[in-house]
PDB file of N, CA and C in Angstrom:
ATOM      1  N   UNK A   1      -5.821  10.664  -6.069  1.00  0.00           N
ATOM      2  CA  UNK A   1      -6.031   9.780  -7.179  1.00  0.00           C
ATOM      3  C   UNK A   1      -4.679   9.242  -7.635  1.00  0.00           C
ATOM      4  N   UNK A   2      -4.507   7.933  -7.679  1.00  0.00           N
ATOM      5  CA  UNK A   2      -3.223   7.384  -8.098  1.00  0.00           C
ATOM      6  C   UNK A   2      -2.984   7.588  -9.589  1.00  0.00           C
ATOM      7  N   UNK A   3      -1.722   7.677  -9.923  1.00  0.00           N
ATOM      8  CA  UNK A   3      -1.355   7.838 -11.313  1.00  0.00           C
ATOM      9  C   UNK A   3      -1.430   6.520 -12.065  1.00  0.00           C
ATOM     10  N   UNK A   4      -1.179   6.551 -13.361  1.00  0.00           N
ATOM     11  CA  UNK A   4      -1.296   5.332 -14.166  1.00  0.00           C
ATOM     12  C   UNK A   4      -0.181   4.328 -13.927  1.00  0.00           C
ATOM     13  N   UNK A   5       0.920   4.747 -13.323  1.00  0.00           N
ATOM     14  CA  UNK A   5       2.050   3.849 -13.124  1.00  0.00           C
ATOM     15  C   UNK A   5       2.147   3.315 -11.696  1.00  0.00           C
ATOM     16  N   UNK A   6       1.030   3.270 -10.962  1.00  0.00           N
ATOM     17  CA  UNK A   6       1.021   2.748  -9.593  1.00  0.00           C
ATOM     18  C   UNK A   6       1.001   1.228  -9.640  1.00  0.00           C
ATOM     19  N   UNK A   7       1.828   0.602  -8.808  1.00  0.00           N
ATOM     20  CA  UNK A   7       1.884  -0.853  -8.712  1.00  0.00           C
ATOM     21  C   UNK A   7       1.071  -1.260  -7.490  1.00  0.00           C
ATOM     22  N   UNK A   8       0.110  -2.151  -7.672  1.00  0.00           N
ATOM     23  CA  UNK A   8      -0.733  -2.612  -6.563  1.00  0.00           C
ATOM     24  C   UNK A   8      -0.343  -4.047  -6.201  1.00  0.00           C
ATOM     25  N   UNK A   9      -0.121  -4.280  -4.899  1.00  0.00           N
ATOM     26  CA  UNK A   9       0.327  -5.576  -4.404  1.00  0.00           C
ATOM     27  C   UNK A   9      -0.437  -5.954  -3.144  1.00  0.00           C
ATOM     28  N   UNK A  10      -0.362  -7.223  -2.774  1.00  0.00           N
ATOM     29  CA  UNK A  10      -0.893  -7.709  -1.508  1.00  0.00           C
ATOM     30  C   UNK A  10       0.274  -8.181  -0.662  1.00  0.00           C
ATOM     31  N   UNK A  11       0.144  -8.025   0.647  1.00  0.00           N
ATOM     32  CA  UNK A  11       1.204  -8.445   1.543  1.00  0.00           C
ATOM     33  C   UNK A  11       0.656  -8.802   2.910  1.00  0.00           C
ATOM     34  N   UNK A  12       1.552  -9.284   3.764  1.00  0.00           N
ATOM     35  CA  UNK A  12       1.210  -9.681   5.121  1.00  0.00           C
ATOM     36  C   UNK A  12       2.016  -8.853   6.098  1.00  0.00           C
ATOM     37  N   UNK A  13       1.353  -8.299   7.103  1.00  0.00           N
ATOM     38  CA  UNK A  13       2.022  -7.484   8.121  1.00  0.00           C
ATOM     39  C   UNK A  13       2.887  -8.398   8.984  1.00  0.00           C
ATOM     40  N   UNK A  14       4.168  -8.065   9.111  1.00  0.00           N
ATOM     41  CA  UNK A  14       5.054  -8.844   9.972  1.00  0.00           C
ATOM     42  C   UNK A  14       5.508  -8.061  11.199  1.00  0.00           C
ATOM     43  N   UNK A  15       5.323  -6.729  11.172  1.00  0.00           N
ATOM     44  CA  UNK A  15       5.712  -5.906  12.321  1.00  0.00           C
ATOM     45  C   UNK A  15       4.958  -4.578  12.263  1.00  0.00           C
ATOM     46  N   UNK A  16       4.407  -4.163  13.390  1.00  0.00           N
ATOM     47  CA  UNK A  16       3.737  -2.869  13.493  1.00  0.00           C
ATOM     48  C   UNK A  16       4.691  -1.920  14.206  1.00  0.00           C
ATOM     49  N   UNK A  17       5.032  -0.812  13.552  1.00  0.00           N
ATOM     50  CA  UNK A  17       5.984   0.155  14.070  1.00  0.00           C
ATOM     51  C   UNK A  17       5.261   1.417  14.525  1.00  0.00           C
ATOM     52  N   UNK A  18       5.978   2.360  15.081  1.00  0.00           N
ATOM     53  CA  UNK A  18       5.402   3.623  15.551  1.00  0.00           C
ATOM     54  C   UNK A  18       5.113   4.558  14.374  1.00  0.00           C
ATOM     55  N   UNK A  19       4.307   5.584  14.638  1.00  0.00           N
ATOM     56  CA  UNK A  19       4.015   6.663  13.696  1.00  0.00           C
ATOM     57  C   UNK A  19       3.340   6.186  12.415  1.00  0.00           C
ATOM     58  N   UNK A  20       2.479   5.188  12.514  1.00  0.00           N
ATOM     59  CA  UNK A  20       1.721   4.756  11.350  1.00  0.00           C
ATOM     60  C   UNK A  20       2.501   3.949  10.335  1.00  0.00           C
ATOM     61  N   UNK A  21       3.561   3.298  10.748  1.00  0.00           N
ATOM     62  CA  UNK A  21       4.369   2.492   9.846  1.00  0.00           C
ATOM     63  C   UNK A  21       4.185   1.005  10.144  1.00  0.00           C
ATOM     64  N   UNK A  22       4.253   0.195   9.112  1.00  0.00           N
ATOM     65  CA  UNK A  22       4.217  -1.258   9.260  1.00  0.00           C
ATOM     66  C   UNK A  22       5.258  -1.867   8.338  1.00  0.00           C
ATOM     67  N   UNK A  23       5.813  -2.982   8.743  1.00  0.00           N
ATOM     68  CA  UNK A  23       6.712  -3.737   7.877  1.00  0.00           C
ATOM     69  C   UNK A  23       5.886  -4.867   7.280  1.00  0.00           C
ATOM     70  N   UNK A  24       5.935  -4.983   5.954  1.00  0.00           N
ATOM     71  CA  UNK A  24       5.087  -5.915   5.223  1.00  0.00           C
ATOM     72  C   UNK A  24       5.951  -6.861   4.411  1.00  0.00           C
ATOM     73  N   UNK A  25       5.562  -8.143   4.398  1.00  0.00           N
ATOM     74  CA  UNK A  25       6.248  -9.124   3.565  1.00  0.00           C
ATOM     75  C   UNK A  25       5.358  -9.451   2.376  1.00  0.00           C
ATOM     76  N   UNK A  26       5.923  -9.346   1.185  1.00  0.00           N
ATOM     77  CA  UNK A  26       5.190  -9.634  -0.041  1.00  0.00           C
ATOM     78  C   UNK A  26       5.212 -11.129  -0.325  1.00  0.00           C
ATOM     79  N   UNK A  27       4.425 -11.565  -1.287  1.00  0.00           N
ATOM     80  CA  UNK A  27       4.339 -12.986  -1.632  1.00  0.00           C
ATOM     81  C   UNK A  27       5.673 -13.531  -2.144  1.00  0.00           C
ATOM     82  N   UNK A  28       6.496 -12.665  -2.739  1.00  0.00           N
ATOM     83  CA  UNK A  28       7.782 -13.122  -3.275  1.00  0.00           C
ATOM     84  C   UNK A  28       8.901 -13.101  -2.226  1.00  0.00           C
ATOM     85  N   UNK A  29       8.562 -12.769  -0.961  1.00  0.00           N
ATOM     86  CA  UNK A  29       9.542 -12.789   0.106  1.00  0.00           C
ATOM     87  C   UNK A  29      10.186 -11.456   0.419  1.00  0.00           C
ATOM     88  N   UNK A  30       9.979 -10.453  -0.402  1.00  0.00           N
ATOM     89  CA  UNK A  30      10.548  -9.128  -0.155  1.00  0.00           C
ATOM     90  C   UNK A  30       9.835  -8.462   1.012  1.00  0.00           C
ATOM     91  N   UNK A  31      10.583  -7.721   1.802  1.00  0.00           N
ATOM     92  CA  UNK A  31      10.019  -6.976   2.928  1.00  0.00           C
ATOM     93  C   UNK A  31      10.144  -5.493   2.639  1.00  0.00           C
ATOM     94  N   UNK A  32       9.041  -4.780   2.809  1.00  0.00           N
ATOM     95  CA  UNK A  32       9.024  -3.344   2.542  1.00  0.00           C
ATOM     96  C   UNK A  32       8.387  -2.613   3.706  1.00  0.00           C
ATOM     97  N   UNK A  33       8.582  -1.318   3.730  1.00  0.00           N
ATOM     98  CA  UNK A  33       8.012  -0.462   4.756  1.00  0.00           C
ATOM     99  C   UNK A  33       6.748   0.177   4.199  1.00  0.00           C
ATOM    100  N   UNK A  34       5.648   0.028   4.922  1.00  0.00           N
ATOM    101  CA  UNK A  34       4.387   0.602   4.481  1.00  0.00           C
ATOM    102  C   UNK A  34       3.941   1.706   5.414  1.00  0.00           C
ATOM    103  N   UNK A  35       3.278   2.706   4.861  1.00  0.00           N
ATOM    104  CA  UNK A  35       2.742   3.794   5.677  1.00  0.00           C
ATOM    105  C   UNK A  35       1.303   4.054   5.256  1.00  0.00           C
ATOM    106  N   UNK A  36       0.516   4.538   6.186  1.00  0.00           N
ATOM    107  CA  UNK A  36      -0.880   4.868   5.904  1.00  0.00           C
ATOM    108  C   UNK A  36      -1.010   6.374   5.753  1.00  0.00           C
ATOM    109  N   UNK A  37      -1.907   6.823   4.885  1.00  0.00           N
ATOM    110  CA  UNK A  37      -2.180   8.259   4.817  1.00  0.00           C
ATOM    111  C   UNK A  37      -2.707   8.755   6.163  1.00  0.00           C
ATOM    112  N   UNK A  38      -2.552  10.019   6.428  1.00  0.00           N
ATOM    113  CA  UNK A  38      -2.920  10.593   7.721  1.00  0.00           C
ATOM    114  C   UNK A  38      -4.385  10.331   8.068  1.00  0.00           C
ATOM    115  N   UNK A  39      -5.272  10.414   7.099  1.00  0.00           N
ATOM    116  CA  UNK A  39      -6.693  10.215   7.381  1.00  0.00           C
ATOM    117  C   UNK A  39      -7.030   8.761   7.727  1.00  0.00           C
ATOM    118  N   UNK A  40      -6.144   7.812   7.381  1.00  0.00           N
ATOM    119  CA  UNK A  40      -6.383   6.392   7.658  1.00  0.00           C
ATOM    120  C   UNK A  40      -5.551   5.858   8.816  1.00  0.00           C
ATOM    121  N   UNK A  41      -4.867   6.701   9.555  1.00  0.00           N
ATOM    122  CA  UNK A  41      -3.990   6.231  10.626  1.00  0.00           C
ATOM    123  C   UNK A  41      -4.745   5.518  11.738  1.00  0.00           C
ATOM    124  N   UNK A  42      -5.995   5.950  12.035  1.00  0.00           N
ATOM    125  CA  UNK A  42      -6.732   5.277  13.103  1.00  0.00           C
ATOM    126  C   UNK A  42      -7.085   3.848  12.705  1.00  0.00           C
ATOM    127  N   UNK A  43      -7.276   3.572  11.417  1.00  0.00           N
ATOM    128  CA  UNK A  43      -7.509   2.207  10.948  1.00  0.00           C
ATOM    129  C   UNK A  43      -6.244   1.371  11.091  1.00  0.00           C
ATOM    130  N   UNK A  44      -5.102   2.009  10.926  1.00  0.00           N
ATOM    131  CA  UNK A  44      -3.830   1.295  11.015  1.00  0.00           C
ATOM    132  C   UNK A  44      -3.584   0.772  12.419  1.00  0.00           C
ATOM    133  N   UNK A  45      -4.137   1.448  13.428  1.00  0.00           N
ATOM    134  CA  UNK A  45      -3.995   0.985  14.795  1.00  0.00           C
ATOM    135  C   UNK A  45      -4.658  -0.360  15.027  1.00  0.00           C
ATOM    136  N   UNK A  46      -5.629  -0.720  14.199  1.00  0.00           N
ATOM    137  CA  UNK A  46      -6.325  -1.998  14.335  1.00  0.00           C
ATOM    138  C   UNK A  46      -5.555  -3.144  13.685  1.00  0.00           C
ATOM    139  N   UNK A  47      -4.487  -2.847  12.960  1.00  0.00           N
ATOM    140  CA  UNK A  47      -3.701  -3.899  12.311  1.00  0.00           C
ATOM    141  C   UNK A  47      -2.854  -4.641  13.332  1.00  0.00           C
ATOM    142  N   UNK A  48      -2.667  -5.915  13.085  1.00  0.00           N
ATOM    143  CA  UNK A  48      -1.781  -6.709  13.929  1.00  0.00           C
ATOM    144  C   UNK A  48      -0.960  -7.631  13.030  1.00  0.00           C
ATOM    145  N   UNK A  49       0.004  -8.288  13.599  1.00  0.00           N
ATOM    146  CA  UNK A  49       0.887  -9.179  12.853  1.00  0.00           C
ATOM    147  C   UNK A  49       0.052 -10.304  12.238  1.00  0.00           C
ATOM    148  N   UNK A  50       0.282 -10.559  10.964  1.00  0.00           N
ATOM    149  CA  UNK A  50      -0.430 -11.611  10.258  1.00  0.00           C
ATOM    150  C   UNK A  50      -1.586 -11.121   9.409  1.00  0.00           C
ATOM    151  N   UNK A  51      -1.975  -9.856   9.545  1.00  0.00           N
ATOM    152  CA  UNK A  51      -3.079  -9.313   8.753  1.00  0.00           C
ATOM    153  C   UNK A  51      -2.648  -9.128   7.303  1.00  0.00           C
ATOM    154  N   UNK A  52      -3.591  -9.330   6.388  1.00  0.00           N
ATOM    155  CA  UNK A  52      -3.343  -9.112   4.963  1.00  0.00           C
ATOM    156  C   UNK A  52      -3.707  -7.668   4.620  1.00  0.00           C
ATOM    157  N   UNK A  53      -2.868  -6.994   3.842  1.00  0.00           N
ATOM    158  CA  UNK A  53      -3.112  -5.613   3.439  1.00  0.00           C
ATOM    159  C   UNK A  53      -2.881  -5.467   1.941  1.00  0.00           C
ATOM    160  N   UNK A  54      -3.491  -4.437   1.372  1.00  0.00           N
ATOM    161  CA  UNK A  54      -3.265  -4.069  -0.019  1.00  0.00           C
ATOM    162  C   UNK A  54      -2.327  -2.872  -0.028  1.00  0.00           C
ATOM    163  N   UNK A  55      -1.388  -2.872  -0.942  1.00  0.00           N
ATOM    164  CA  UNK A  55      -0.363  -1.836  -1.011  1.00  0.00           C
ATOM    165  C   UNK A  55      -0.364  -1.175  -2.384  1.00  0.00           C
ATOM    166  N   UNK A  56       0.037   0.088  -2.403  1.00  0.00           N
ATOM    167  CA  UNK A  56       0.289   0.817  -3.641  1.00  0.00           C
ATOM    168  C   UNK A  56       1.710   1.352  -3.569  1.00  0.00           C
ATOM    169  N   UNK A  57       2.476   1.120  -4.606  1.00  0.00           N
ATOM    170  CA  UNK A  57       3.843   1.648  -4.633  1.00  0.00           C
ATOM    171  C   UNK A  57       4.156   2.227  -5.995  1.00  0.00           C
ATOM    172  N   UNK A  58       5.114   3.112  -5.997  1.00  0.00           N
ATOM    173  CA  UNK A  58       5.564   3.740  -7.221  1.00  0.00           C
ATOM    174  C   UNK A  58       6.753   2.954  -7.775  1.00  0.00           C
ATOM    175  N   UNK A  59       6.932   2.913  -9.072  1.00  0.00           N
ATOM    176  CA  UNK A  59       8.073   2.193  -9.626  1.00  0.00           C
ATOM    177  C   UNK A  59       9.411   2.885  -9.366  1.00  0.00           C
ATOM    178  N   UNK A  60       9.387   4.106  -8.836  1.00  0.00           N
ATOM    179  CA  UNK A  60      10.617   4.842  -8.593  1.00  0.00           C
ATOM    180  C   UNK A  60      11.282   4.459  -7.281  1.00  0.00           C
ATOM    181  N   UNK A  61      10.493   4.013  -6.286  1.00  0.00           N
ATOM    182  CA  UNK A  61      11.049   3.600  -4.991  1.00  0.00           C
ATOM    183  C   UNK A  61      10.337   2.330  -4.553  1.00  0.00           C
ATOM    184  N   UNK A  62      10.976   1.196  -4.780  1.00  0.00           N
ATOM    185  CA  UNK A  62      10.349  -0.096  -4.509  1.00  0.00           C
ATOM    186  C   UNK A  62      10.540  -0.557  -3.064  1.00  0.00           C
ATOM    187  N   UNK A  63      11.053   0.304  -2.181  1.00  0.00           N
ATOM    188  CA  UNK A  63      11.253  -0.096  -0.792  1.00  0.00           C
ATOM    189  C   UNK A  63      10.159   0.433   0.131  1.00  0.00           C
ATOM    190  N   UNK A  64       9.288   1.311  -0.381  1.00  0.00           N
ATOM    191  CA  UNK A  64       8.220   1.899   0.427  1.00  0.00           C
ATOM    192  C   UNK A  64       6.909   1.798  -0.319  1.00  0.00           C
ATOM    193  N   UNK A  65       5.817   1.732   0.455  1.00  0.00           N
ATOM    194  CA  UNK A  65       4.493   1.630  -0.160  1.00  0.00           C
ATOM    195  C   UNK A  65       3.452   2.284   0.717  1.00  0.00           C
ATOM    196  N   UNK A  66       2.326   2.623   0.124  1.00  0.00           N
ATOM    197  CA  UNK A  66       1.179   3.168   0.848  1.00  0.00           C
ATOM    198  C   UNK A  66       0.240   2.013   1.148  1.00  0.00           C
ATOM    199  N   UNK A  67      -0.237   1.926   2.378  1.00  0.00           N
ATOM    200  CA  UNK A  67      -1.137   0.847   2.776  1.00  0.00           C
ATOM    201  C   UNK A  67      -2.570   1.249   2.434  1.00  0.00           C
ATOM    202  N   UNK A  68      -3.231   0.392   1.685  1.00  0.00           N
ATOM    203  CA  UNK A  68      -4.656   0.527   1.374  1.00  0.00           C
ATOM    204  C   UNK A  68      -5.329  -0.722   1.908  1.00  0.00           C
ATOM    205  N   UNK A  69      -6.452  -0.573   2.551  1.00  0.00           N
ATOM    206  CA  UNK A  69      -7.073  -1.706   3.238  1.00  0.00           C
ATOM    207  C   UNK A  69      -7.988  -2.496   2.364  1.00  0.00           C
TER     208      UNK A  69
END
């Protein structure tokens, strides 16, 4: 369950990396590293460049986010 200070954003996948990681570009041009929870890793394999994803990030580290579909 996410906490009350979770930031939710939308982004576009620009690169699919190994070990369940993706590089995502936000609407404002920032690029961040996204990861999927272990139970959702098989869904992450279906992602390709150009797909739209929903992200959750904490205000403490704005360079990484959790990918939510």
